[in-house]
């Protein structure tokens, strides 16, 4: 049986999976030690060694990575040493030879998984918003993820939220407010002890903080919907554990702010969304 290979280079881990052509789930999965513990080239080589052991001759390869891929190099990836500017596509072509290789960023890959098997299946115009440690989106038009002119469509972390903060100065202004990392940072300062974003949704006395977070998230999604006019918005990412809190508040703003409000759905794939998305990217190359 013909199989494809999926690789997810995450900011804190690397995951690989194989899948039979025609399947909707991985056949085998392997996870490697933390990406940040080694240099970028060493991490890639370790991944290739694991790939050889997992599937020697894949029919196609799908790859998800943090950052974006532009002009043959990874960009917008400053937090992992050696990854910014890495010529990842060339390394993949050298390793996998004639096998088709599809590569995209992790959020676009998550959207690809939802398009093929999840909440975006059959959707022509949609929006996938990933709210986890960071913040990003994927735009779907014509049933496909739109990459943008530079591969950076949906990088909403850089939307202006403060008058004095710009990408050029090293800021991600919206992500500094609307993300799990931002919520954890603000919650920890408020409570005087370390606390995760997920824990805050079950913590008394932080209602104002959570309301500010939800308002900023809902406002952002509503503004995107006014521009794109999607039929469906899918929420994904690590904060979906707080869906019972987030969804009613976001939905209420969409109903009031958007002329033609979209339906709001939860992603089918959460923890392994980029890996499943890489699998979808690979399968697109073999039918």
C-alpha atoms as a PDB file:
ATOM      1  CA  UNK A   1       0.000   0.000   0.000  1.00  0.00           C
ATOM      2  CA  UNK A   2       1.291   3.468  -0.921  1.00  0.00           C
ATOM      3  CA  UNK A   3       2.068   5.793   1.993  1.00  0.00           C
ATOM      4  CA  UNK A   4       2.902   9.461   2.428  1.00  0.00           C
ATOM      5  CA  UNK A   5       5.046  11.155   5.072  1.00  0.00           C
ATOM      6  CA  UNK A   6       4.024  14.112   7.234  1.00  0.00           C
ATOM      7  CA  UNK A   7       6.472  16.257   9.236  1.00  0.00           C
ATOM      8  CA  UNK A   8       5.613  18.997  11.721  1.00  0.00           C
ATOM      9  CA  UNK A   9       8.426  21.266  12.866  1.00  0.00           C
ATOM     10  CA  UNK A  10       6.950  22.960  15.919  1.00  0.00           C
ATOM     11  CA  UNK A  11       8.518  25.595  18.105  1.00  0.00           C
ATOM     12  CA  UNK A  12       8.993  23.080  20.930  1.00  0.00           C
ATOM     13  CA  UNK A  13       8.779  19.679  19.227  1.00  0.00           C
ATOM     14  CA  UNK A  14       9.051  17.719  16.002  1.00  0.00           C
ATOM     15  CA  UNK A  15       6.457  15.143  14.990  1.00  0.00           C
ATOM     16  CA  UNK A  16       6.348  12.734  12.047  1.00  0.00           C
ATOM     17  CA  UNK A  17       3.610  10.470  10.762  1.00  0.00           C
ATOM     18  CA  UNK A  18       2.873   8.148   7.887  1.00  0.00           C
ATOM     19  CA  UNK A  19      -0.510   7.667   6.279  1.00  0.00           C
ATOM     20  CA  UNK A  20      -1.851   5.345   3.631  1.00  0.00           C
ATOM     21  CA  UNK A  21      -3.184   7.031   0.508  1.00  0.00           C
ATOM     22  CA  UNK A  22      -6.949   7.314   0.952  1.00  0.00           C
ATOM     23  CA  UNK A  23      -6.698   7.297   4.752  1.00  0.00           C
ATOM     24  CA  UNK A  24      -7.877  10.035   7.082  1.00  0.00           C
ATOM     25  CA  UNK A  25      -5.645   9.152  10.029  1.00  0.00           C
ATOM     26  CA  UNK A  26      -1.950   8.451  10.630  1.00  0.00           C
ATOM     27  CA  UNK A  27      -0.688   4.888  10.434  1.00  0.00           C
ATOM     28  CA  UNK A  28       2.394   5.531  12.572  1.00  0.00           C
ATOM     29  CA  UNK A  29       3.512   8.564  14.552  1.00  0.00           C
ATOM     30  CA  UNK A  30       6.903   9.506  16.021  1.00  0.00           C
ATOM     31  CA  UNK A  31       7.755  12.464  18.271  1.00  0.00           C
ATOM     32  CA  UNK A  32      11.266  13.771  18.755  1.00  0.00           C
ATOM     33  CA  UNK A  33      12.836  15.697  21.611  1.00  0.00           C
ATOM     34  CA  UNK A  34      12.450  19.438  21.952  1.00  0.00           C
ATOM     35  CA  UNK A  35      13.425  21.334  18.810  1.00  0.00           C
ATOM     36  CA  UNK A  36      15.085  24.162  20.710  1.00  0.00           C
ATOM     37  CA  UNK A  37      17.680  21.872  22.310  1.00  0.00           C
ATOM     38  CA  UNK A  38      19.659  21.534  19.090  1.00  0.00           C
ATOM     39  CA  UNK A  39      20.712  23.793  16.247  1.00  0.00           C
ATOM     40  CA  UNK A  40      18.376  24.028  13.298  1.00  0.00           C
ATOM     41  CA  UNK A  41      20.476  21.919  10.923  1.00  0.00           C
ATOM     42  CA  UNK A  42      20.993  19.261  13.569  1.00  0.00           C
ATOM     43  CA  UNK A  43      17.266  19.183  14.240  1.00  0.00           C
ATOM     44  CA  UNK A  44      16.508  18.780  10.536  1.00  0.00           C
ATOM     45  CA  UNK A  45      19.057  16.008  10.172  1.00  0.00           C
ATOM     46  CA  UNK A  46      17.644  14.210  13.199  1.00  0.00           C
ATOM     47  CA  UNK A  47      14.220  14.498  11.607  1.00  0.00           C
ATOM     48  CA  UNK A  48      15.483  13.033   8.348  1.00  0.00           C
ATOM     49  CA  UNK A  49      17.003  10.090  10.209  1.00  0.00           C
ATOM     50  CA  UNK A  50      13.669   9.427  11.899  1.00  0.00           C
ATOM     51  CA  UNK A  51      11.924   9.744   8.541  1.00  0.00           C
ATOM     52  CA  UNK A  52      14.218   7.122   6.990  1.00  0.00           C
ATOM     53  CA  UNK A  53      13.354   4.704   9.784  1.00  0.00           C
ATOM     54  CA  UNK A  54       9.649   5.470   9.513  1.00  0.00           C
ATOM     55  CA  UNK A  55       9.175   5.393   5.725  1.00  0.00           C
ATOM     56  CA  UNK A  56      12.099   4.967   3.364  1.00  0.00           C
ATOM     57  CA  UNK A  57      10.352   5.962   0.115  1.00  0.00           C
ATOM     58  CA  UNK A  58       7.259   8.108   0.611  1.00  0.00           C
ATOM     59  CA  UNK A  59       4.940   8.769  -2.318  1.00  0.00           C
ATOM     60  CA  UNK A  60       4.764  12.413  -1.203  1.00  0.00           C
ATOM     61  CA  UNK A  61       5.846  14.538   1.740  1.00  0.00           C
ATOM     62  CA  UNK A  62       3.900  17.230   3.578  1.00  0.00           C
ATOM     63  CA  UNK A  63       5.696  19.606   5.938  1.00  0.00           C
ATOM     64  CA  UNK A  64       4.400  22.087   8.493  1.00  0.00           C
ATOM     65  CA  UNK A  65       6.675  24.662  10.095  1.00  0.00           C
ATOM     66  CA  UNK A  66       6.348  27.659  12.366  1.00  0.00           C
ATOM     67  CA  UNK A  67       7.085  30.961  10.624  1.00  0.00           C
ATOM     68  CA  UNK A  68       6.401  31.361   6.913  1.00  0.00           C
ATOM     69  CA  UNK A  69       8.313  30.126   3.881  1.00  0.00           C
ATOM     70  CA  UNK A  70       9.344  32.859   1.446  1.00  0.00           C
ATOM     71  CA  UNK A  71      11.939  32.764  -1.358  1.00  0.00           C
ATOM     72  CA  UNK A  72      13.052  29.314  -0.289  1.00  0.00           C
ATOM     73  CA  UNK A  73      13.729  30.240   3.336  1.00  0.00           C
ATOM     74  CA  UNK A  74      11.864  30.280   6.650  1.00  0.00           C
ATOM     75  CA  UNK A  75      10.935  33.788   7.809  1.00  0.00           C
ATOM     76  CA  UNK A  76       9.169  35.274  10.847  1.00  0.00           C
ATOM     77  CA  UNK A  77      10.747  32.618  13.075  1.00  0.00           C
ATOM     78  CA  UNK A  78      13.075  34.529  15.415  1.00  0.00           C
ATOM     79  CA  UNK A  79      12.471  32.518  18.580  1.00  0.00           C
ATOM     80  CA  UNK A  80      14.274  29.294  17.635  1.00  0.00           C
ATOM     81  CA  UNK A  81      18.035  29.662  17.031  1.00  0.00           C
ATOM     82  CA  UNK A  82      19.061  29.041  13.429  1.00  0.00           C
ATOM     83  CA  UNK A  83      15.549  28.747  12.042  1.00  0.00           C
ATOM     84  CA  UNK A  84      15.199  32.310  10.740  1.00  0.00           C
ATOM     85  CA  UNK A  85      16.527  32.199   7.172  1.00  0.00           C
ATOM     86  CA  UNK A  86      16.903  28.398   7.094  1.00  0.00           C
ATOM     87  CA  UNK A  87      16.769  27.025   3.534  1.00  0.00           C
ATOM     88  CA  UNK A  88      14.306  24.318   4.542  1.00  0.00           C
ATOM     89  CA  UNK A  89      12.758  23.693   1.083  1.00  0.00           C
ATOM     90  CA  UNK A  90      16.193  22.966  -0.429  1.00  0.00           C
ATOM     91  CA  UNK A  91      17.061  20.604   2.425  1.00  0.00           C
ATOM     92  CA  UNK A  92      13.781  18.760   1.881  1.00  0.00           C
ATOM     93  CA  UNK A  93      14.337  18.451  -1.879  1.00  0.00           C
ATOM     94  CA  UNK A  94      17.849  17.138  -1.282  1.00  0.00           C
ATOM     95  CA  UNK A  95      16.588  14.509   1.153  1.00  0.00           C
ATOM     96  CA  UNK A  96      13.448  13.336  -0.656  1.00  0.00           C
ATOM     97  CA  UNK A  97      14.547  13.616  -4.267  1.00  0.00           C
ATOM     98  CA  UNK A  98      11.741  12.972  -6.743  1.00  0.00           C
ATOM     99  CA  UNK A  99       8.971  12.675  -4.142  1.00  0.00           C
ATOM    100  CA  UNK A 100       6.660  15.719  -4.269  1.00  0.00           C
ATOM    101  CA  UNK A 101       7.153  17.937  -1.219  1.00  0.00           C
ATOM    102  CA  UNK A 102       4.519  20.440  -0.035  1.00  0.00           C
ATOM    103  CA  UNK A 103       5.442  22.864   2.752  1.00  0.00           C
ATOM    104  CA  UNK A 104       3.375  25.472   4.582  1.00  0.00           C
ATOM    105  CA  UNK A 105       3.205  27.192   7.935  1.00  0.00           C
ATOM    106  CA  UNK A 106       1.579  25.447  10.870  1.00  0.00           C
ATOM    107  CA  UNK A 107      -1.675  27.429  10.881  1.00  0.00           C
ATOM    108  CA  UNK A 108      -2.231  27.039   7.134  1.00  0.00           C
ATOM    109  CA  UNK A 109      -1.563  23.334   7.598  1.00  0.00           C
ATOM    110  CA  UNK A 110      -4.172  23.208  10.361  1.00  0.00           C
ATOM    111  CA  UNK A 111      -6.632  24.855   7.996  1.00  0.00           C
ATOM    112  CA  UNK A 112      -5.756  22.286   5.313  1.00  0.00           C
ATOM    113  CA  UNK A 113      -6.673  19.516   7.761  1.00  0.00           C
ATOM    114  CA  UNK A 114     -10.005  21.190   8.485  1.00  0.00           C
ATOM    115  CA  UNK A 115     -10.662  21.612   4.754  1.00  0.00           C
ATOM    116  CA  UNK A 116     -10.033  17.959   4.009  1.00  0.00           C
ATOM    117  CA  UNK A 117     -11.607  16.286   7.039  1.00  0.00           C
ATOM    118  CA  UNK A 118     -12.938  18.832   9.497  1.00  0.00           C
ATOM    119  CA  UNK A 119     -15.044  21.909  10.116  1.00  0.00           C
ATOM    120  CA  UNK A 120     -14.093  23.645   6.843  1.00  0.00           C
ATOM    121  CA  UNK A 121     -14.960  20.720   4.600  1.00  0.00           C
ATOM    122  CA  UNK A 122     -17.083  21.959   1.707  1.00  0.00           C
ATOM    123  CA  UNK A 123     -16.570  25.623   2.675  1.00  0.00           C
ATOM    124  CA  UNK A 124     -15.772  27.993  -0.204  1.00  0.00           C
ATOM    125  CA  UNK A 125     -14.930  31.135   1.798  1.00  0.00           C
ATOM    126  CA  UNK A 126     -13.830  30.696   5.383  1.00  0.00           C
ATOM    127  CA  UNK A 127     -11.522  31.780   8.155  1.00  0.00           C
ATOM    128  CA  UNK A 128      -9.477  29.587  10.486  1.00  0.00           C
ATOM    129  CA  UNK A 129      -8.285  31.356  13.649  1.00  0.00           C
ATOM    130  CA  UNK A 130      -5.701  29.624  15.811  1.00  0.00           C
ATOM    131  CA  UNK A 131      -5.587  30.890  19.391  1.00  0.00           C
ATOM    132  CA  UNK A 132      -2.865  29.141  21.347  1.00  0.00           C
ATOM    133  CA  UNK A 133       0.430  30.290  22.776  1.00  0.00           C
ATOM    134  CA  UNK A 134       0.463  32.691  19.831  1.00  0.00           C
ATOM    135  CA  UNK A 135      -2.144  33.996  17.393  1.00  0.00           C
ATOM    136  CA  UNK A 136      -2.547  33.495  13.642  1.00  0.00           C
ATOM    137  CA  UNK A 137      -5.195  32.834  11.022  1.00  0.00           C
ATOM    138  CA  UNK A 138      -5.619  31.144   7.655  1.00  0.00           C
ATOM    139  CA  UNK A 139      -7.799  32.602   4.918  1.00  0.00           C
ATOM    140  CA  UNK A 140      -9.792  30.212   2.732  1.00  0.00           C
ATOM    141  CA  UNK A 141     -11.116  31.318  -0.663  1.00  0.00           C
ATOM    142  CA  UNK A 142     -12.365  28.986  -3.363  1.00  0.00           C
ATOM    143  CA  UNK A 143     -12.012  26.088  -0.964  1.00  0.00           C
ATOM    144  CA  UNK A 144      -8.248  26.572  -0.673  1.00  0.00           C
ATOM    145  CA  UNK A 145      -5.890  28.324   1.727  1.00  0.00           C
ATOM    146  CA  UNK A 146      -4.734  31.678   0.348  1.00  0.00           C
ATOM    147  CA  UNK A 147      -0.966  32.112   0.839  1.00  0.00           C
ATOM    148  CA  UNK A 148      -0.760  35.807  -0.011  1.00  0.00           C
ATOM    149  CA  UNK A 149       1.885  37.509  -2.126  1.00  0.00           C
ATOM    150  CA  UNK A 150       4.679  36.662   0.320  1.00  0.00           C
ATOM    151  CA  UNK A 151       3.284  33.537   2.008  1.00  0.00           C
ATOM    152  CA  UNK A 152       2.229  35.636   4.988  1.00  0.00           C
ATOM    153  CA  UNK A 153      -1.544  35.944   4.591  1.00  0.00           C
ATOM    154  CA  UNK A 154      -3.223  35.515   7.965  1.00  0.00           C
ATOM    155  CA  UNK A 155      -0.292  36.675  10.101  1.00  0.00           C
ATOM    156  CA  UNK A 156      -2.725  38.640  12.252  1.00  0.00           C
ATOM    157  CA  UNK A 157      -0.341  38.735  15.225  1.00  0.00           C
ATOM    158  CA  UNK A 158       1.113  41.830  13.557  1.00  0.00           C
ATOM    159  CA  UNK A 159      -2.152  43.780  13.363  1.00  0.00           C
ATOM    160  CA  UNK A 160      -1.924  47.179  15.040  1.00  0.00           C
ATOM    161  CA  UNK A 161      -3.234  47.142  18.602  1.00  0.00           C
ATOM    162  CA  UNK A 162      -1.067  49.858  20.147  1.00  0.00           C
ATOM    163  CA  UNK A 163      -0.126  53.172  18.539  1.00  0.00           C
ATOM    164  CA  UNK A 164       3.545  52.839  19.490  1.00  0.00           C
ATOM    165  CA  UNK A 165       4.210  49.197  18.514  1.00  0.00           C
ATOM    166  CA  UNK A 166       5.233  48.033  15.046  1.00  0.00           C
ATOM    167  CA  UNK A 167       6.530  44.852  13.412  1.00  0.00           C
ATOM    168  CA  UNK A 168       9.630  46.777  12.316  1.00  0.00           C
ATOM    169  CA  UNK A 169      10.510  47.341  15.959  1.00  0.00           C
ATOM    170  CA  UNK A 170      10.282  43.668  16.827  1.00  0.00           C
ATOM    171  CA  UNK A 171       6.698  43.638  18.098  1.00  0.00           C
ATOM    172  CA  UNK A 172       3.703  41.458  17.327  1.00  0.00           C
ATOM    173  CA  UNK A 173       1.190  44.027  18.621  1.00  0.00           C
ATOM    174  CA  UNK A 174      -2.016  42.004  18.569  1.00  0.00           C
ATOM    175  CA  UNK A 175      -0.354  38.817  19.813  1.00  0.00           C
ATOM    176  CA  UNK A 176       0.892  40.834  22.786  1.00  0.00           C
ATOM    177  CA  UNK A 177      -2.785  41.114  23.797  1.00  0.00           C
ATOM    178  CA  UNK A 178      -4.641  38.194  22.197  1.00  0.00           C
ATOM    179  CA  UNK A 179      -2.726  34.971  22.805  1.00  0.00           C
ATOM    180  CA  UNK A 180      -2.250  32.349  25.455  1.00  0.00           C
ATOM    181  CA  UNK A 181       1.186  33.762  26.268  1.00  0.00           C
ATOM    182  CA  UNK A 182      -0.221  37.263  26.727  1.00  0.00           C
ATOM    183  CA  UNK A 183      -3.084  36.031  28.880  1.00  0.00           C
ATOM    184  CA  UNK A 184      -0.717  33.992  31.042  1.00  0.00           C
ATOM    185  CA  UNK A 185       1.631  36.942  31.454  1.00  0.00           C
ATOM    186  CA  UNK A 186      -1.133  39.346  32.458  1.00  0.00           C
ATOM    187  CA  UNK A 187      -2.806  36.803  34.725  1.00  0.00           C
ATOM    188  CA  UNK A 188       0.436  36.000  36.501  1.00  0.00           C
ATOM    189  CA  UNK A 189       1.064  39.708  37.117  1.00  0.00           C
ATOM    190  CA  UNK A 190      -2.470  40.175  38.427  1.00  0.00           C
ATOM    191  CA  UNK A 191      -2.401  37.186  40.787  1.00  0.00           C
ATOM    192  CA  UNK A 192       1.228  37.492  41.851  1.00  0.00           C
ATOM    193  CA  UNK A 193       2.016  33.895  40.935  1.00  0.00           C
ATOM    194  CA  UNK A 194       2.640  31.916  37.741  1.00  0.00           C
ATOM    195  CA  UNK A 195      -0.569  30.805  36.051  1.00  0.00           C
ATOM    196  CA  UNK A 196      -1.316  29.368  32.618  1.00  0.00           C
ATOM    197  CA  UNK A 197      -3.876  30.835  30.276  1.00  0.00           C
ATOM    198  CA  UNK A 198      -6.019  27.708  30.560  1.00  0.00           C
ATOM    199  CA  UNK A 199      -6.026  27.920  34.370  1.00  0.00           C
ATOM    200  CA  UNK A 200      -7.307  31.499  34.296  1.00  0.00           C
ATOM    201  CA  UNK A 201     -10.667  30.412  32.881  1.00  0.00           C
ATOM    202  CA  UNK A 202     -11.308  28.531  36.131  1.00  0.00           C
ATOM    203  CA  UNK A 203      -9.787  31.148  38.466  1.00  0.00           C
ATOM    204  CA  UNK A 204     -12.007  33.483  40.538  1.00  0.00           C
ATOM    205  CA  UNK A 205     -11.406  37.216  40.442  1.00  0.00           C
ATOM    206  CA  UNK A 206     -10.083  37.541  36.889  1.00  0.00           C
ATOM    207  CA  UNK A 207     -13.330  38.292  35.062  1.00  0.00           C
ATOM    208  CA  UNK A 208     -12.197  41.740  33.885  1.00  0.00           C
ATOM    209  CA  UNK A 209      -9.001  40.289  32.432  1.00  0.00           C
ATOM    210  CA  UNK A 210     -10.880  37.552  30.591  1.00  0.00           C
ATOM    211  CA  UNK A 211     -13.480  40.024  29.342  1.00  0.00           C
ATOM    212  CA  UNK A 212     -10.717  42.218  27.869  1.00  0.00           C
ATOM    213  CA  UNK A 213      -9.173  39.194  26.190  1.00  0.00           C
ATOM    214  CA  UNK A 214     -12.477  37.990  24.714  1.00  0.00           C
ATOM    215  CA  UNK A 215     -13.391  41.485  23.534  1.00  0.00           C
ATOM    216  CA  UNK A 216     -10.089  41.895  21.692  1.00  0.00           C
ATOM    217  CA  UNK A 217     -10.380  38.424  20.141  1.00  0.00           C
ATOM    218  CA  UNK A 218     -14.005  38.951  19.093  1.00  0.00           C
ATOM    219  CA  UNK A 219     -13.272  42.416  17.698  1.00  0.00           C
ATOM    220  CA  UNK A 220     -10.400  41.042  15.623  1.00  0.00           C
ATOM    221  CA  UNK A 221     -12.456  38.183  14.204  1.00  0.00           C
ATOM    222  CA  UNK A 222     -15.381  40.502  13.452  1.00  0.00           C
ATOM    223  CA  UNK A 223     -13.126  42.927  11.585  1.00  0.00           C
ATOM    224  CA  UNK A 224     -11.656  40.076   9.553  1.00  0.00           C
ATOM    225  CA  UNK A 225     -15.160  38.869   8.726  1.00  0.00           C
ATOM    226  CA  UNK A 226     -16.211  42.305   7.487  1.00  0.00           C
ATOM    227  CA  UNK A 227     -13.256  42.231   5.071  1.00  0.00           C
ATOM    228  CA  UNK A 228     -13.515  38.603   3.949  1.00  0.00           C
ATOM    229  CA  UNK A 229     -17.257  37.860   4.281  1.00  0.00           C
ATOM    230  CA  UNK A 230     -16.727  34.174   5.185  1.00  0.00           C
ATOM    231  CA  UNK A 231     -19.528  31.685   5.554  1.00  0.00           C
ATOM    232  CA  UNK A 232     -17.691  29.884   8.352  1.00  0.00           C
ATOM    233  CA  UNK A 233     -15.178  30.813  11.030  1.00  0.00           C
ATOM    234  CA  UNK A 234     -13.350  27.944  12.707  1.00  0.00           C
ATOM    235  CA  UNK A 235     -11.622  28.404  16.054  1.00  0.00           C
ATOM    236  CA  UNK A 236      -8.589  26.230  16.680  1.00  0.00           C
ATOM    237  CA  UNK A 237      -5.556  26.165  18.939  1.00  0.00           C
ATOM    238  CA  UNK A 238      -4.652  25.327  22.506  1.00  0.00           C
ATOM    239  CA  UNK A 239      -7.234  27.596  24.140  1.00  0.00           C
ATOM    240  CA  UNK A 240     -10.134  25.541  22.785  1.00  0.00           C
ATOM    241  CA  UNK A 241     -10.314  24.005  26.241  1.00  0.00           C
ATOM    242  CA  UNK A 242     -12.032  27.281  27.160  1.00  0.00           C
ATOM    243  CA  UNK A 243     -14.500  27.040  24.252  1.00  0.00           C
ATOM    244  CA  UNK A 244     -17.525  27.203  26.549  1.00  0.00           C
ATOM    245  CA  UNK A 245     -16.308  30.610  27.692  1.00  0.00           C
ATOM    246  CA  UNK A 246     -15.003  31.934  24.374  1.00  0.00           C
ATOM    247  CA  UNK A 247     -17.589  30.833  21.822  1.00  0.00           C
ATOM    248  CA  UNK A 248     -20.702  32.598  23.215  1.00  0.00           C
ATOM    249  CA  UNK A 249     -18.803  35.865  23.593  1.00  0.00           C
ATOM    250  CA  UNK A 250     -17.252  35.771  20.137  1.00  0.00           C
ATOM    251  CA  UNK A 251     -20.534  34.683  18.574  1.00  0.00           C
ATOM    252  CA  UNK A 252     -22.448  37.545  20.208  1.00  0.00           C
ATOM    253  CA  UNK A 253     -20.039  40.122  18.754  1.00  0.00           C
ATOM    254  CA  UNK A 254     -20.169  38.560  15.287  1.00  0.00           C
ATOM    255  CA  UNK A 255     -23.964  38.718  15.327  1.00  0.00           C
ATOM    256  CA  UNK A 256     -23.905  42.433  16.121  1.00  0.00           C
ATOM    257  CA  UNK A 257     -20.860  43.611  14.184  1.00  0.00           C
ATOM    258  CA  UNK A 258     -20.887  41.676  10.901  1.00  0.00           C
ATOM    259  CA  UNK A 259     -23.544  42.467   8.250  1.00  0.00           C
ATOM    260  CA  UNK A 260     -23.799  38.800   7.251  1.00  0.00           C
ATOM    261  CA  UNK A 261     -22.595  36.866  10.316  1.00  0.00           C
ATOM    262  CA  UNK A 262     -20.759  33.612   9.627  1.00  0.00           C
ATOM    263  CA  UNK A 263     -21.341  30.371  11.429  1.00  0.00           C
ATOM    264  CA  UNK A 264     -18.812  29.770  14.217  1.00  0.00           C
ATOM    265  CA  UNK A 265     -17.396  26.270  14.605  1.00  0.00           C
ATOM    266  CA  UNK A 266     -14.712  24.516  16.621  1.00  0.00           C
ATOM    267  CA  UNK A 267     -11.809  22.837  14.878  1.00  0.00           C
ATOM    268  CA  UNK A 268     -11.917  19.071  14.642  1.00  0.00           C
ATOM    269  CA  UNK A 269      -8.144  18.896  15.084  1.00  0.00           C
ATOM    270  CA  UNK A 270      -6.444  20.679  17.980  1.00  0.00           C
ATOM    271  CA  UNK A 271      -3.242  19.286  19.502  1.00  0.00           C
ATOM    272  CA  UNK A 272      -1.992  17.577  16.323  1.00  0.00           C
ATOM    273  CA  UNK A 273      -3.519  20.005  13.819  1.00  0.00           C
ATOM    274  CA  UNK A 274      -0.216  20.950  12.092  1.00  0.00           C
ATOM    275  CA  UNK A 275       0.817  17.290  11.753  1.00  0.00           C
ATOM    276  CA  UNK A 276      -2.576  16.231  10.392  1.00  0.00           C
ATOM    277  CA  UNK A 277      -2.403  19.263   8.120  1.00  0.00           C
ATOM    278  CA  UNK A 278       1.010  18.180   6.828  1.00  0.00           C
ATOM    279  CA  UNK A 279      -0.569  14.804   6.100  1.00  0.00           C
ATOM    280  CA  UNK A 280      -3.326  16.559   4.140  1.00  0.00           C
ATOM    281  CA  UNK A 281      -0.713  18.540   2.171  1.00  0.00           C
ATOM    282  CA  UNK A 282       1.071  15.319   1.230  1.00  0.00           C
ATOM    283  CA  UNK A 283      -2.117  13.528   0.214  1.00  0.00           C
ATOM    284  CA  UNK A 284      -3.096  16.420  -2.065  1.00  0.00           C
ATOM    285  CA  UNK A 285      -0.050  15.529  -4.167  1.00  0.00           C
ATOM    286  CA  UNK A 286      -1.105  11.916  -4.702  1.00  0.00           C
ATOM    287  CA  UNK A 287      -4.843  12.419  -5.295  1.00  0.00           C
END
